């Protein structure tokens, strides 16, 4: 009998997960289009922008939000000439992002060890990471808006080499606090 109760308990946990619809902001390439995006947060007009898209997610929040910033995204279109298969810059440029929540902070790691910018993406590594930081901050601000406790966020750039070690200075720390 005890074995049956344990098995039922485990089965219930497997299927008992909450699915939440949330907005995830992500850096996207505008290659293949006729427009530039103006990013107020970076002060540059680029062939890229940060946009929000709804996602239905389950898992540990806010970690899953951060990791969802890097999900494949083929932009829907009504123009047969738009043939771009992938728009998410983190996917296109092979940059990984992960997060871990500790008792004191949300630790975010942006790993550039496999960074490779395709020729059709007219961005520097620095611009790409700045866009990624904008997407991260916007995603977390939206998530944190109804929260009552501050959230300390520490972002580290990892996986740099001798050629791109200057990207380390883009690591940042910020606190999301309850709005007055």
N, C-alpha and C. Protein backbone atom coordinates (compact mmCIF):
# COMPACT_ATOMS: atom_id res chain seq x y z
N UNK A 1 0.83 -1.20 0.00
CA UNK A 1 0.00 0.00 0.00
C UNK A 1 0.87 1.26 0.00
N UNK A 2 1.92 1.24 0.82
CA UNK A 2 2.81 2.40 0.90
C UNK A 2 3.48 2.67 -0.45
N UNK A 3 3.86 1.61 -1.16
CA UNK A 3 4.48 1.73 -2.48
C UNK A 3 3.52 2.38 -3.47
N UNK A 4 2.25 2.01 -3.41
CA UNK A 4 1.24 2.58 -4.30
C UNK A 4 1.07 4.07 -4.03
N UNK A 5 1.05 4.46 -2.78
CA UNK A 5 0.91 5.88 -2.43
C UNK A 5 2.11 6.69 -2.90
N UNK A 6 3.30 6.15 -2.76
CA UNK A 6 4.50 6.84 -3.24
C UNK A 6 4.45 6.99 -4.75
N UNK A 7 4.07 5.93 -5.46
CA UNK A 7 3.97 5.97 -6.92
C UNK A 7 2.93 7.00 -7.36
N UNK A 8 1.79 7.04 -6.69
CA UNK A 8 0.76 8.03 -7.02
C UNK A 8 1.26 9.45 -6.77
N UNK A 9 1.97 9.63 -5.68
CA UNK A 9 2.52 10.94 -5.34
C UNK A 9 3.49 11.41 -6.42
N UNK A 10 4.37 10.53 -6.88
CA UNK A 10 5.34 10.88 -7.91
C UNK A 10 4.64 11.17 -9.24
N UNK A 11 3.64 10.38 -9.60
CA UNK A 11 2.89 10.59 -10.83
C UNK A 11 2.17 11.93 -10.81
N UNK A 12 1.58 12.28 -9.69
CA UNK A 12 0.88 13.55 -9.58
C UNK A 12 1.83 14.72 -9.78
N UNK A 13 3.03 14.62 -9.23
CA UNK A 13 4.00 15.71 -9.38
C UNK A 13 4.46 15.88 -10.82
N UNK A 14 4.56 14.77 -11.55
CA UNK A 14 5.01 14.84 -12.93
C UNK A 14 4.03 15.68 -13.76
N UNK A 15 2.73 15.51 -13.54
CA UNK A 15 1.74 16.17 -14.35
C UNK A 15 1.25 17.49 -13.74
N UNK A 16 1.65 17.80 -12.53
CA UNK A 16 1.16 19.00 -11.86
C UNK A 16 2.14 20.14 -12.05
N UNK A 17 2.11 20.76 -13.21
CA UNK A 17 2.95 21.93 -13.45
C UNK A 17 2.08 23.06 -13.97
N UNK A 18 2.47 24.24 -13.61
CA UNK A 18 1.72 25.42 -14.01
C UNK A 18 2.28 25.95 -15.32
N UNK A 19 1.40 26.25 -16.24
CA UNK A 19 1.79 26.87 -17.51
C UNK A 19 1.36 28.32 -17.44
N UNK A 20 2.30 29.22 -17.66
CA UNK A 20 2.00 30.65 -17.62
C UNK A 20 2.28 31.27 -18.98
N UNK A 21 1.40 32.15 -19.41
CA UNK A 21 1.64 32.91 -20.63
C UNK A 21 2.31 34.21 -20.22
N UNK A 22 3.51 34.43 -20.77
CA UNK A 22 4.33 35.59 -20.40
C UNK A 22 4.89 36.24 -21.66
N UNK A 23 5.36 37.46 -21.51
CA UNK A 23 6.05 38.15 -22.61
C UNK A 23 7.54 37.98 -22.44
N UNK A 24 8.18 37.50 -23.47
CA UNK A 24 9.62 37.36 -23.50
C UNK A 24 10.13 38.36 -24.53
N UNK A 25 11.08 39.17 -24.12
CA UNK A 25 11.72 40.12 -25.05
C UNK A 25 12.96 39.44 -25.59
N UNK A 26 13.17 39.58 -26.88
CA UNK A 26 14.34 38.93 -27.49
C UNK A 26 14.97 39.83 -28.54
N UNK A 27 16.28 39.70 -28.70
CA UNK A 27 16.96 40.47 -29.75
C UNK A 27 16.74 39.76 -31.08
N UNK A 28 16.23 40.49 -32.06
CA UNK A 28 15.98 39.88 -33.36
C UNK A 28 16.70 40.64 -34.46
N UNK A 29 17.09 39.88 -35.46
CA UNK A 29 17.72 40.45 -36.64
C UNK A 29 16.63 40.94 -37.58
N UNK A 30 16.90 42.05 -38.23
CA UNK A 30 15.98 42.57 -39.25
C UNK A 30 16.53 42.32 -40.65
N UNK A 31 17.54 41.43 -40.74
CA UNK A 31 18.07 41.13 -42.07
C UNK A 31 16.96 40.50 -42.91
N UNK A 32 16.98 40.83 -44.17
CA UNK A 32 15.92 40.37 -45.05
C UNK A 32 14.73 41.31 -45.09
N UNK A 33 14.81 42.40 -44.30
CA UNK A 33 13.74 43.40 -44.31
C UNK A 33 14.31 44.72 -44.83
N UNK A 34 13.46 45.71 -44.98
CA UNK A 34 13.88 47.01 -45.51
C UNK A 34 13.93 48.09 -44.43
N UNK A 35 14.00 47.68 -43.16
CA UNK A 35 13.96 48.66 -42.08
C UNK A 35 15.11 48.46 -41.10
N UNK A 36 15.40 49.53 -40.37
CA UNK A 36 16.33 49.48 -39.25
C UNK A 36 15.50 49.63 -37.99
N UNK A 37 16.00 49.10 -36.92
CA UNK A 37 15.34 49.28 -35.63
C UNK A 37 16.10 50.33 -34.83
N UNK A 38 15.37 51.23 -34.19
CA UNK A 38 16.01 52.22 -33.34
C UNK A 38 15.87 51.73 -31.91
N UNK A 39 16.99 51.48 -31.29
CA UNK A 39 17.00 50.99 -29.92
C UNK A 39 17.35 52.15 -29.01
N UNK A 40 16.34 52.67 -28.34
CA UNK A 40 16.55 53.81 -27.45
C UNK A 40 17.55 53.48 -26.35
N UNK A 41 17.51 52.23 -25.86
CA UNK A 41 18.40 51.83 -24.76
C UNK A 41 19.87 51.83 -25.17
N UNK A 42 20.17 51.62 -26.47
CA UNK A 42 21.55 51.62 -26.91
C UNK A 42 21.89 52.87 -27.72
N UNK A 43 20.88 53.61 -28.18
CA UNK A 43 21.11 54.84 -28.94
C UNK A 43 21.58 54.61 -30.36
N UNK A 44 21.32 53.43 -30.91
CA UNK A 44 21.79 53.11 -32.25
C UNK A 44 20.64 52.67 -33.15
N UNK A 45 20.77 52.99 -34.44
CA UNK A 45 19.86 52.45 -35.44
C UNK A 45 20.58 51.25 -36.06
N UNK A 46 19.98 50.09 -35.95
CA UNK A 46 20.63 48.85 -36.38
C UNK A 46 19.68 48.01 -37.22
N UNK A 47 20.24 47.04 -37.90
CA UNK A 47 19.44 46.04 -38.60
C UNK A 47 19.02 44.97 -37.60
N UNK A 48 18.57 45.45 -36.43
CA UNK A 48 18.16 44.57 -35.35
C UNK A 48 17.29 45.38 -34.39
N UNK A 49 16.54 44.66 -33.56
CA UNK A 49 15.72 45.33 -32.57
C UNK A 49 15.45 44.34 -31.43
N UNK A 50 14.77 44.81 -30.41
CA UNK A 50 14.31 43.95 -29.32
C UNK A 50 12.79 43.99 -29.36
N UNK A 51 12.18 42.83 -29.46
CA UNK A 51 10.71 42.74 -29.50
C UNK A 51 10.23 41.75 -28.45
N UNK A 52 8.97 41.91 -28.10
CA UNK A 52 8.34 40.97 -27.16
C UNK A 52 7.49 39.99 -27.95
N UNK A 53 7.42 38.79 -27.43
CA UNK A 53 6.50 37.80 -28.00
C UNK A 53 5.94 36.98 -26.85
N UNK A 54 4.68 36.57 -26.97
CA UNK A 54 4.10 35.76 -25.90
C UNK A 54 4.61 34.33 -25.99
N UNK A 55 4.81 33.74 -24.83
CA UNK A 55 5.19 32.33 -24.76
C UNK A 55 4.43 31.68 -23.61
N UNK A 56 4.10 30.43 -23.76
CA UNK A 56 3.48 29.66 -22.69
C UNK A 56 4.59 28.81 -22.07
N UNK A 57 4.94 29.14 -20.83
CA UNK A 57 6.11 28.52 -20.20
C UNK A 57 5.75 27.83 -18.90
N UNK A 58 6.55 26.85 -18.59
CA UNK A 58 6.49 26.19 -17.30
C UNK A 58 7.92 26.03 -16.82
N UNK A 59 8.09 25.93 -15.54
CA UNK A 59 9.43 25.77 -14.99
C UNK A 59 9.68 26.78 -13.90
N UNK A 60 10.93 26.89 -13.50
CA UNK A 60 11.32 27.78 -12.41
C UNK A 60 11.40 29.23 -12.92
N UNK A 61 10.63 30.08 -12.31
CA UNK A 61 10.65 31.50 -12.67
C UNK A 61 11.50 32.23 -11.65
N UNK A 62 12.34 33.15 -12.01
CA UNK A 62 12.51 33.77 -13.32
C UNK A 62 13.53 33.10 -14.23
N UNK A 63 14.15 32.01 -13.79
CA UNK A 63 15.19 31.38 -14.60
C UNK A 63 14.71 31.00 -16.00
N UNK A 64 13.54 30.39 -16.09
CA UNK A 64 13.03 29.96 -17.39
C UNK A 64 12.76 31.16 -18.31
N UNK A 65 12.42 32.30 -17.72
CA UNK A 65 12.23 33.50 -18.54
C UNK A 65 13.53 33.89 -19.22
N UNK A 66 14.60 33.91 -18.45
CA UNK A 66 15.91 34.28 -18.99
C UNK A 66 16.31 33.31 -20.09
N UNK A 67 16.18 32.03 -19.84
CA UNK A 67 16.59 31.04 -20.82
C UNK A 67 15.71 31.07 -22.07
N UNK A 68 14.48 31.53 -21.95
CA UNK A 68 13.57 31.61 -23.10
C UNK A 68 13.88 32.78 -24.03
N UNK A 69 14.72 33.69 -23.58
CA UNK A 69 15.15 34.78 -24.47
C UNK A 69 15.87 34.20 -25.69
N UNK A 70 16.46 33.04 -25.51
CA UNK A 70 17.19 32.38 -26.61
C UNK A 70 16.39 31.17 -27.10
N UNK A 71 15.26 31.43 -27.74
CA UNK A 71 14.51 30.34 -28.35
C UNK A 71 14.37 30.63 -29.84
N UNK A 72 14.38 29.60 -30.66
CA UNK A 72 14.23 29.83 -32.11
C UNK A 72 12.98 30.65 -32.41
N UNK A 73 13.10 31.51 -33.40
CA UNK A 73 11.98 32.38 -33.74
C UNK A 73 12.01 32.68 -35.25
N UNK A 74 11.12 32.04 -35.96
CA UNK A 74 10.90 32.37 -37.36
C UNK A 74 9.77 33.38 -37.39
N UNK A 75 10.05 34.57 -37.89
CA UNK A 75 9.02 35.61 -37.92
C UNK A 75 7.93 35.25 -38.93
N UNK A 76 6.68 35.32 -38.52
CA UNK A 76 5.58 35.10 -39.48
C UNK A 76 5.58 36.21 -40.54
N UNK A 77 5.14 35.89 -41.72
CA UNK A 77 5.14 36.88 -42.79
C UNK A 77 3.97 36.64 -43.74
N UNK A 78 3.61 37.69 -44.46
CA UNK A 78 2.64 37.56 -45.54
C UNK A 78 3.30 37.82 -46.89
N UNK A 79 4.64 37.92 -46.89
CA UNK A 79 5.39 38.21 -48.10
C UNK A 79 6.21 36.98 -48.50
N UNK A 80 5.94 36.41 -49.65
CA UNK A 80 6.68 35.21 -50.07
C UNK A 80 8.17 35.46 -50.29
N UNK A 81 8.57 36.73 -50.41
CA UNK A 81 9.98 37.05 -50.62
C UNK A 81 10.79 37.07 -49.33
N UNK A 82 10.12 37.07 -48.18
CA UNK A 82 10.83 37.05 -46.90
C UNK A 82 11.13 35.60 -46.56
N UNK A 83 12.36 35.21 -46.71
CA UNK A 83 12.75 33.80 -46.58
C UNK A 83 13.60 33.52 -45.35
N UNK A 84 13.67 34.46 -44.41
CA UNK A 84 14.52 34.29 -43.24
C UNK A 84 13.93 33.20 -42.34
N UNK A 85 14.73 32.20 -42.05
CA UNK A 85 14.29 31.06 -41.25
C UNK A 85 14.48 31.29 -39.75
N UNK A 86 15.41 32.15 -39.36
CA UNK A 86 15.68 32.39 -37.95
C UNK A 86 15.95 33.87 -37.73
N UNK A 87 15.27 34.46 -36.75
CA UNK A 87 15.44 35.88 -36.46
C UNK A 87 16.09 36.15 -35.10
N UNK A 88 16.01 35.21 -34.18
CA UNK A 88 16.57 35.45 -32.84
C UNK A 88 18.09 35.51 -32.94
N UNK A 89 18.64 36.66 -32.56
CA UNK A 89 20.07 36.87 -32.69
C UNK A 89 20.91 35.94 -31.82
N UNK A 90 20.40 35.56 -30.66
CA UNK A 90 21.17 34.65 -29.81
C UNK A 90 21.29 33.28 -30.46
N UNK A 91 20.23 32.85 -31.14
CA UNK A 91 20.26 31.58 -31.86
C UNK A 91 21.16 31.71 -33.09
N UNK A 92 20.95 32.77 -33.87
CA UNK A 92 21.74 33.00 -35.08
C UNK A 92 23.24 33.06 -34.81
N UNK A 93 23.60 33.70 -33.71
CA UNK A 93 25.01 33.95 -33.41
C UNK A 93 25.59 32.96 -32.40
N UNK A 94 24.81 31.97 -32.05
CA UNK A 94 25.25 30.90 -31.17
C UNK A 94 25.76 31.40 -29.81
N UNK A 95 24.97 32.24 -29.20
CA UNK A 95 25.25 32.75 -27.85
C UNK A 95 24.25 32.08 -26.91
N UNK A 96 24.74 31.55 -25.82
CA UNK A 96 23.87 30.90 -24.84
C UNK A 96 23.63 31.81 -23.65
N UNK A 97 22.48 31.62 -23.02
CA UNK A 97 22.14 32.40 -21.83
C UNK A 97 21.49 31.45 -20.82
N UNK A 98 21.92 31.58 -19.57
CA UNK A 98 21.36 30.73 -18.52
C UNK A 98 21.22 31.56 -17.25
N UNK A 99 20.45 31.03 -16.31
CA UNK A 99 20.22 31.77 -15.06
C UNK A 99 20.07 30.80 -13.91
N UNK A 100 20.46 31.30 -12.74
CA UNK A 100 20.30 30.54 -11.50
C UNK A 100 19.89 31.53 -10.41
N UNK A 101 18.83 31.18 -9.70
CA UNK A 101 18.35 32.02 -8.61
C UNK A 101 18.94 31.50 -7.30
N UNK A 102 19.61 32.40 -6.60
CA UNK A 102 20.13 32.06 -5.27
C UNK A 102 19.30 32.82 -4.25
N UNK A 103 19.62 32.68 -2.95
CA UNK A 103 18.84 33.42 -1.94
C UNK A 103 19.04 34.93 -2.08
N UNK A 104 20.15 35.33 -2.69
CA UNK A 104 20.45 36.77 -2.74
C UNK A 104 20.27 37.40 -4.11
N UNK A 105 20.45 36.63 -5.19
CA UNK A 105 20.47 37.24 -6.52
C UNK A 105 20.04 36.26 -7.60
N UNK A 106 19.73 36.84 -8.74
CA UNK A 106 19.56 36.07 -9.96
C UNK A 106 20.87 36.19 -10.72
N UNK A 107 21.56 35.07 -10.89
CA UNK A 107 22.84 35.06 -11.59
C UNK A 107 22.59 34.67 -13.04
N UNK A 108 22.92 35.58 -13.95
CA UNK A 108 22.71 35.34 -15.38
C UNK A 108 24.07 35.23 -16.05
N UNK A 109 24.22 34.20 -16.86
CA UNK A 109 25.46 33.99 -17.59
C UNK A 109 25.17 34.06 -19.08
N UNK A 110 25.87 34.94 -19.76
CA UNK A 110 25.80 35.02 -21.22
C UNK A 110 27.11 34.45 -21.74
N UNK A 111 27.03 33.29 -22.38
CA UNK A 111 28.21 32.55 -22.80
C UNK A 111 28.49 32.82 -24.28
N UNK A 112 29.65 33.43 -24.54
CA UNK A 112 30.03 33.78 -25.91
C UNK A 112 31.12 32.85 -26.46
N UNK A 113 31.33 31.71 -25.82
CA UNK A 113 32.41 30.81 -26.25
C UNK A 113 32.20 30.27 -27.66
N UNK A 114 30.95 30.19 -28.11
CA UNK A 114 30.66 29.68 -29.46
C UNK A 114 30.19 30.81 -30.40
N UNK A 115 30.36 32.05 -29.98
CA UNK A 115 29.88 33.21 -30.75
C UNK A 115 30.42 33.19 -32.18
N UNK A 116 29.49 33.33 -33.11
CA UNK A 116 29.83 33.39 -34.52
C UNK A 116 28.73 34.19 -35.21
N UNK A 117 29.05 35.38 -35.68
CA UNK A 117 28.06 36.25 -36.31
C UNK A 117 28.02 35.97 -37.81
N UNK A 118 26.88 35.52 -38.32
CA UNK A 118 26.77 35.26 -39.76
C UNK A 118 26.96 36.54 -40.58
N UNK A 119 27.43 36.41 -41.80
CA UNK A 119 27.69 37.58 -42.64
C UNK A 119 26.44 38.42 -42.90
N UNK A 120 25.27 37.79 -42.94
CA UNK A 120 24.05 38.56 -43.20
C UNK A 120 23.60 39.39 -42.00
N UNK A 121 24.18 39.15 -40.85
CA UNK A 121 23.85 39.91 -39.64
C UNK A 121 24.87 41.03 -39.50
N UNK A 122 24.42 42.24 -39.73
CA UNK A 122 25.31 43.40 -39.73
C UNK A 122 25.42 44.01 -38.33
N UNK A 123 26.08 43.28 -37.44
CA UNK A 123 26.27 43.72 -36.05
C UNK A 123 27.65 43.34 -35.57
N UNK A 124 28.13 44.08 -34.58
CA UNK A 124 29.35 43.68 -33.90
C UNK A 124 28.96 42.81 -32.70
N UNK A 125 29.91 42.15 -32.13
CA UNK A 125 29.67 41.35 -30.92
C UNK A 125 29.15 42.23 -29.79
N UNK A 126 29.71 43.41 -29.66
CA UNK A 126 29.31 44.34 -28.61
C UNK A 126 27.84 44.77 -28.81
N UNK A 127 27.46 45.10 -30.03
CA UNK A 127 26.07 45.49 -30.31
C UNK A 127 25.12 44.34 -30.00
N UNK A 128 25.51 43.13 -30.38
CA UNK A 128 24.70 41.95 -30.11
C UNK A 128 24.47 41.78 -28.61
N UNK A 129 25.53 41.91 -27.82
CA UNK A 129 25.39 41.74 -26.38
C UNK A 129 24.59 42.87 -25.75
N UNK A 130 24.74 44.09 -26.25
CA UNK A 130 23.94 45.20 -25.73
C UNK A 130 22.46 44.95 -25.98
N UNK A 131 22.12 44.46 -27.16
CA UNK A 131 20.73 44.13 -27.47
C UNK A 131 20.23 43.01 -26.55
N UNK A 132 21.08 42.04 -26.29
CA UNK A 132 20.72 40.93 -25.41
C UNK A 132 20.46 41.42 -23.99
N UNK A 133 21.25 42.37 -23.53
CA UNK A 133 21.06 42.94 -22.20
C UNK A 133 19.76 43.74 -22.12
N UNK A 134 19.41 44.45 -23.19
CA UNK A 134 18.14 45.16 -23.24
C UNK A 134 16.99 44.15 -23.15
N UNK A 135 17.08 43.07 -23.91
CA UNK A 135 16.04 42.04 -23.89
C UNK A 135 15.92 41.42 -22.50
N UNK A 136 17.04 41.14 -21.88
CA UNK A 136 17.03 40.56 -20.54
C UNK A 136 16.36 41.50 -19.55
N UNK A 137 16.78 42.74 -19.56
CA UNK A 137 16.23 43.69 -18.60
C UNK A 137 14.73 43.88 -18.81
N UNK A 138 14.28 44.03 -20.05
CA UNK A 138 12.85 44.21 -20.33
C UNK A 138 12.04 42.98 -19.90
N UNK A 139 12.56 41.80 -20.17
CA UNK A 139 11.87 40.57 -19.77
C UNK A 139 11.72 40.51 -18.26
N UNK A 140 12.81 40.79 -17.55
CA UNK A 140 12.77 40.72 -16.09
C UNK A 140 11.93 41.84 -15.48
N UNK A 141 11.96 43.03 -16.07
CA UNK A 141 11.12 44.13 -15.55
C UNK A 141 9.65 43.78 -15.64
N UNK A 142 9.25 43.20 -16.75
CA UNK A 142 7.85 42.82 -16.91
C UNK A 142 7.46 41.74 -15.91
N UNK A 143 8.32 40.77 -15.72
CA UNK A 143 8.07 39.70 -14.75
C UNK A 143 8.00 40.27 -13.33
N UNK A 144 8.90 41.19 -13.02
CA UNK A 144 9.05 41.67 -11.65
C UNK A 144 7.99 42.70 -11.25
N UNK A 145 7.34 43.31 -12.20
CA UNK A 145 6.38 44.39 -11.92
C UNK A 145 5.42 44.06 -10.77
N UNK A 146 4.79 42.90 -10.72
CA UNK A 146 3.86 42.62 -9.62
C UNK A 146 4.54 42.09 -8.33
N UNK A 147 5.84 41.89 -8.37
CA UNK A 147 6.54 41.33 -7.20
C UNK A 147 6.70 42.39 -6.11
N UNK A 148 6.82 41.95 -4.88
CA UNK A 148 6.95 42.88 -3.76
C UNK A 148 8.37 42.97 -3.22
N UNK A 149 9.20 41.99 -3.51
CA UNK A 149 10.59 41.99 -3.03
C UNK A 149 11.53 42.42 -4.16
N UNK A 150 12.60 43.15 -3.84
CA UNK A 150 13.57 43.51 -4.87
C UNK A 150 14.25 42.26 -5.44
N UNK A 151 14.70 42.36 -6.67
CA UNK A 151 15.43 41.27 -7.31
C UNK A 151 16.78 41.82 -7.77
N UNK A 152 17.83 41.30 -7.19
CA UNK A 152 19.19 41.68 -7.60
C UNK A 152 19.60 40.77 -8.74
N UNK A 153 20.09 41.37 -9.81
CA UNK A 153 20.48 40.62 -11.01
C UNK A 153 21.96 40.88 -11.27
N UNK A 154 22.70 39.80 -11.41
CA UNK A 154 24.12 39.89 -11.73
C UNK A 154 24.32 39.18 -13.07
N UNK A 155 24.81 39.93 -14.05
CA UNK A 155 25.02 39.38 -15.39
C UNK A 155 26.52 39.27 -15.64
N UNK A 156 26.96 38.08 -15.98
CA UNK A 156 28.36 37.84 -16.30
C UNK A 156 28.48 37.40 -17.75
N UNK A 157 29.46 37.95 -18.43
CA UNK A 157 29.78 37.52 -19.79
C UNK A 157 30.88 36.46 -19.64
N UNK A 158 30.64 35.26 -20.14
CA UNK A 158 31.61 34.18 -20.00
C UNK A 158 32.01 33.64 -21.37
N UNK A 159 33.08 32.86 -21.38
CA UNK A 159 33.51 32.21 -22.61
C UNK A 159 34.28 33.11 -23.56
N UNK A 160 34.79 34.23 -23.05
CA UNK A 160 35.55 35.12 -23.92
C UNK A 160 36.92 34.51 -24.21
N UNK A 161 37.54 35.03 -25.26
CA UNK A 161 38.89 34.61 -25.63
C UNK A 161 39.76 35.86 -25.63
N UNK A 162 40.98 35.67 -26.02
CA UNK A 162 41.90 36.81 -26.12
C UNK A 162 41.36 37.85 -27.12
N UNK A 163 40.69 37.37 -28.17
CA UNK A 163 40.18 38.26 -29.22
C UNK A 163 38.98 39.09 -28.80
N UNK A 164 38.18 38.59 -27.85
CA UNK A 164 36.97 39.33 -27.47
C UNK A 164 36.87 39.57 -25.96
N UNK A 165 37.98 39.58 -25.29
CA UNK A 165 38.00 39.78 -23.83
C UNK A 165 37.41 41.13 -23.43
N UNK A 166 37.41 42.10 -24.33
CA UNK A 166 36.84 43.42 -24.01
C UNK A 166 35.33 43.34 -23.75
N UNK A 167 34.68 42.25 -24.16
CA UNK A 167 33.24 42.09 -23.92
C UNK A 167 32.93 41.88 -22.43
N UNK A 168 33.92 41.51 -21.66
CA UNK A 168 33.72 41.27 -20.23
C UNK A 168 33.17 42.50 -19.53
N UNK A 169 33.52 43.70 -20.04
CA UNK A 169 33.05 44.94 -19.39
C UNK A 169 31.54 45.16 -19.56
N UNK A 170 30.87 44.32 -20.35
CA UNK A 170 29.42 44.44 -20.49
C UNK A 170 28.68 43.72 -19.36
N UNK A 171 29.41 42.98 -18.55
CA UNK A 171 28.79 42.39 -17.36
C UNK A 171 28.23 43.51 -16.51
N UNK A 172 27.07 43.27 -15.91
CA UNK A 172 26.37 44.35 -15.20
C UNK A 172 25.63 43.78 -14.00
N UNK A 173 25.39 44.65 -13.04
CA UNK A 173 24.57 44.31 -11.88
C UNK A 173 23.48 45.38 -11.77
N UNK A 174 22.25 44.94 -11.55
CA UNK A 174 21.16 45.89 -11.34
C UNK A 174 20.13 45.28 -10.41
N UNK A 175 19.30 46.15 -9.85
CA UNK A 175 18.26 45.70 -8.93
C UNK A 175 16.91 46.15 -9.47
N UNK A 176 16.00 45.20 -9.52
CA UNK A 176 14.62 45.51 -9.86
C UNK A 176 13.87 45.64 -8.54
N UNK A 177 13.28 46.79 -8.34
CA UNK A 177 12.60 47.04 -7.09
C UNK A 177 11.13 47.31 -7.35
N UNK A 178 10.34 47.18 -6.28
CA UNK A 178 8.91 47.49 -6.36
C UNK A 178 8.74 48.95 -6.77
N UNK A 179 7.86 49.18 -7.74
CA UNK A 179 7.61 50.55 -8.16
C UNK A 179 6.81 51.29 -7.10
N UNK A 180 7.17 52.56 -6.85
CA UNK A 180 6.46 53.34 -5.80
C UNK A 180 5.03 53.64 -6.17
